Amino acid sequence: MPSTVNDVLFSEPSGRPNSLVQFAGAFAFLVIYLYFYVYLGGTSGTWVLAMALGAVLSGTAESLPIHRRKIAGTLRVASILTFVCLIAAIVLSPGIVTG
């Protein structure tokens, strides 16, 4: 019996609409980072770059051709690991977000 996680992570890429949403999210995170950097002196906005990286990895995974399932799955796993590392960093060092 195949694993549900394996079926979801290594499924066919969803296509252009989902990847555009992910890239738009990454763009929004980069705009938020620029706001932190310009108006607040770059004190506590570096966590937003990790969010943008995760969104870009996910968007790239969804924009690949249908026959690139393994590469899409690898990019999805990298995106999830990026977000998990960010959560771990926030738990271990809350100063990342609060400045």
C-alpha atoms as a PDB file:
ATOM      1  CA  MET A   1       0.000   0.000   0.000  1.00  0.00           C
ATOM      2  CA  PRO A   2       1.609   3.287  -1.075  1.00  0.00           C
ATOM      3  CA  SER A   3       2.154   6.070   1.398  1.00  0.00           C
ATOM      4  CA  THR A   4      -0.176   9.065   1.330  1.00  0.00           C
ATOM      5  CA  VAL A   5       2.722  11.409   2.063  1.00  0.00           C
ATOM      6  CA  ASN A   6       4.663   9.950  -0.844  1.00  0.00           C
ATOM      7  CA  ASP A   7       1.634  10.382  -3.117  1.00  0.00           C
ATOM      8  CA  VAL A   8       1.203  14.022  -2.132  1.00  0.00           C
ATOM      9  CA  LEU A   9       4.856  15.086  -2.110  1.00  0.00           C
ATOM     10  CA  PHE A  10       5.802  13.358  -5.334  1.00  0.00           C
ATOM     11  CA  SER A  11       2.610  13.978  -7.282  1.00  0.00           C
ATOM     12  CA  GLU A  12       2.483  15.796 -10.584  1.00  0.00           C
ATOM     13  CA  PRO A  13       3.082  19.552 -10.354  1.00  0.00           C
ATOM     14  CA  SER A  14      -0.166  21.515 -10.114  1.00  0.00           C
ATOM     15  CA  GLY A  15       0.632  23.943 -12.889  1.00  0.00           C
ATOM     16  CA  ARG A  16       0.689  27.636 -13.569  1.00  0.00           C
ATOM     17  CA  PRO A  17      -2.183  28.955 -11.364  1.00  0.00           C
ATOM     18  CA  ASN A  18      -0.748  27.481  -8.166  1.00  0.00           C
ATOM     19  CA  SER A  19       2.790  28.526  -9.010  1.00  0.00           C
ATOM     20  CA  LEU A  20       1.651  32.102  -9.682  1.00  0.00           C
ATOM     21  CA  VAL A  21       0.047  32.233  -6.234  1.00  0.00           C
ATOM     22  CA  GLN A  22       3.278  30.981  -4.655  1.00  0.00           C
ATOM     23  CA  PHE A  23       5.410  33.475  -6.570  1.00  0.00           C
ATOM     24  CA  ALA A  24       3.003  36.291  -5.649  1.00  0.00           C
ATOM     25  CA  GLY A  25       3.391  35.288  -2.010  1.00  0.00           C
ATOM     26  CA  ALA A  26       7.170  35.345  -2.352  1.00  0.00           C
ATOM     27  CA  PHE A  27       6.953  38.795  -3.910  1.00  0.00           C
ATOM     28  CA  ALA A  28       4.780  39.985  -1.013  1.00  0.00           C
ATOM     29  CA  PHE A  29       7.319  38.644   1.478  1.00  0.00           C
ATOM     30  CA  LEU A  30      10.104  40.473  -0.334  1.00  0.00           C
ATOM     31  CA  VAL A  31       8.092  43.722  -0.211  1.00  0.00           C
ATOM     32  CA  ILE A  32       7.607  43.186   3.531  1.00  0.00           C
ATOM     33  CA  TYR A  33      11.352  42.626   3.900  1.00  0.00           C
ATOM     34  CA  LEU A  34      12.091  45.843   2.035  1.00  0.00           C
ATOM     35  CA  TYR A  35       9.698  47.661   4.381  1.00  0.00           C
ATOM     36  CA  PHE A  36      11.573  46.269   7.396  1.00  0.00           C
ATOM     37  CA  TYR A  37      14.916  47.150   5.853  1.00  0.00           C
ATOM     38  CA  VAL A  38      14.096  50.695   4.695  1.00  0.00           C
ATOM     39  CA  TYR A  39      11.764  51.992   7.393  1.00  0.00           C
ATOM     40  CA  LEU A  40      12.902  50.030  10.433  1.00  0.00           C
ATOM     41  CA  GLY A  41      16.612  49.900   9.696  1.00  0.00           C
ATOM     42  CA  GLY A  42      16.752  46.167   8.943  1.00  0.00           C
ATOM     43  CA  THR A  43      16.463  45.216  12.591  1.00  0.00           C
ATOM     44  CA  SER A  44      14.018  42.311  12.580  1.00  0.00           C
ATOM     45  CA  GLY A  45      13.038  41.359   9.077  1.00  0.00           C
ATOM     46  CA  THR A  46      15.393  38.543   8.148  1.00  0.00           C
ATOM     47  CA  TRP A  47      12.816  35.857   8.968  1.00  0.00           C
ATOM     48  CA  VAL A  48      10.732  37.150   6.056  1.00  0.00           C
ATOM     49  CA  LEU A  49      13.509  36.102   3.675  1.00  0.00           C
ATOM     50  CA  ALA A  50      13.085  32.499   4.852  1.00  0.00           C
ATOM     51  CA  MET A  51       9.356  32.764   4.120  1.00  0.00           C
ATOM     52  CA  ALA A  52      10.119  34.122   0.647  1.00  0.00           C
ATOM     53  CA  LEU A  53      12.606  31.307   0.007  1.00  0.00           C
ATOM     54  CA  GLY A  54      10.042  28.679   0.981  1.00  0.00           C
ATOM     55  CA  ALA A  55       7.420  30.242  -1.283  1.00  0.00           C
ATOM     56  CA  VAL A  56       9.867  30.419  -4.209  1.00  0.00           C
ATOM     57  CA  LEU A  57      10.830  26.760  -3.764  1.00  0.00           C
ATOM     58  CA  SER A  58       7.183  25.745  -3.656  1.00  0.00           C
ATOM     59  CA  GLY A  59       6.306  27.894  -6.664  1.00  0.00           C
ATOM     60  CA  THR A  60       9.189  26.440  -8.629  1.00  0.00           C
ATOM     61  CA  ALA A  61       8.026  22.923  -7.787  1.00  0.00           C
ATOM     62  CA  GLU A  62       4.533  23.658  -9.068  1.00  0.00           C
ATOM     63  CA  SER A  63       5.722  25.329 -12.272  1.00  0.00           C
ATOM     64  CA  LEU A  64       7.750  22.345 -13.513  1.00  0.00           C
ATOM     65  CA  PRO A  65       6.517  20.155 -16.376  1.00  0.00           C
ATOM     66  CA  ILE A  66       4.273  17.215 -15.473  1.00  0.00           C
ATOM     67  CA  HIS A  67       6.935  14.546 -16.047  1.00  0.00           C
ATOM     68  CA  ARG A  68       9.310  16.106 -13.449  1.00  0.00           C
ATOM     69  CA  ARG A  69       7.656  14.531 -10.406  1.00  0.00           C
ATOM     70  CA  LYS A  70      10.820  13.686  -8.473  1.00  0.00           C
ATOM     71  CA  ILE A  71      12.354  17.139  -8.879  1.00  0.00           C
ATOM     72  CA  ALA A  72       9.037  18.727  -7.837  1.00  0.00           C
ATOM     73  CA  GLY A  73       8.926  16.462  -4.789  1.00  0.00           C
ATOM     74  CA  THR A  74      12.477  17.373  -3.846  1.00  0.00           C
ATOM     75  CA  LEU A  75      11.674  21.084  -4.096  1.00  0.00           C
ATOM     76  CA  ARG A  76       8.531  20.573  -1.980  1.00  0.00           C
ATOM     77  CA  VAL A  77      10.569  18.778   0.691  1.00  0.00           C
ATOM     78  CA  ALA A  78      13.143  21.604   0.621  1.00  0.00           C
ATOM     79  CA  SER A  79      10.337  24.142   1.044  1.00  0.00           C
ATOM     80  CA  ILE A  80       8.879  22.259   3.997  1.00  0.00           C
ATOM     81  CA  LEU A  81      12.320  21.975   5.597  1.00  0.00           C
ATOM     82  CA  THR A  82      12.834  25.709   5.163  1.00  0.00           C
ATOM     83  CA  PHE A  83       9.604  26.431   7.021  1.00  0.00           C
ATOM     84  CA  VAL A  84      10.343  23.856   9.740  1.00  0.00           C
ATOM     85  CA  CYS A  85      13.819  25.340  10.286  1.00  0.00           C
ATOM     86  CA  LEU A  86      12.255  28.792  10.560  1.00  0.00           C
ATOM     87  CA  ILE A  87       9.786  27.543  13.173  1.00  0.00           C
ATOM     88  CA  ALA A  88      12.616  25.854  15.102  1.00  0.00           C
ATOM     89  CA  ALA A  89      14.683  29.040  14.982  1.00  0.00           C
ATOM     90  CA  ILE A  90      11.732  31.075  16.260  1.00  0.00           C
ATOM     91  CA  VAL A  91      11.135  28.634  19.120  1.00  0.00           C
ATOM     92  CA  LEU A  92      14.801  28.474  20.080  1.00  0.00           C
ATOM     93  CA  SER A  93      15.534  32.161  19.568  1.00  0.00           C
ATOM     94  CA  PRO A  94      12.401  34.359  19.568  1.00  0.00           C
ATOM     95  CA  GLY A  95      14.572  37.418  19.006  1.00  0.00           C
ATOM     96  CA  ILE A  96      14.633  36.554  15.314  1.00  0.00           C
ATOM     97  CA  VAL A  97      11.096  37.849  14.944  1.00  0.00           C
ATOM     98  CA  THR A  98      10.808  40.344  17.745  1.00  0.00           C
ATOM     99  CA  GLY A  99      14.179  42.015  17.171  1.00  0.00           C
END
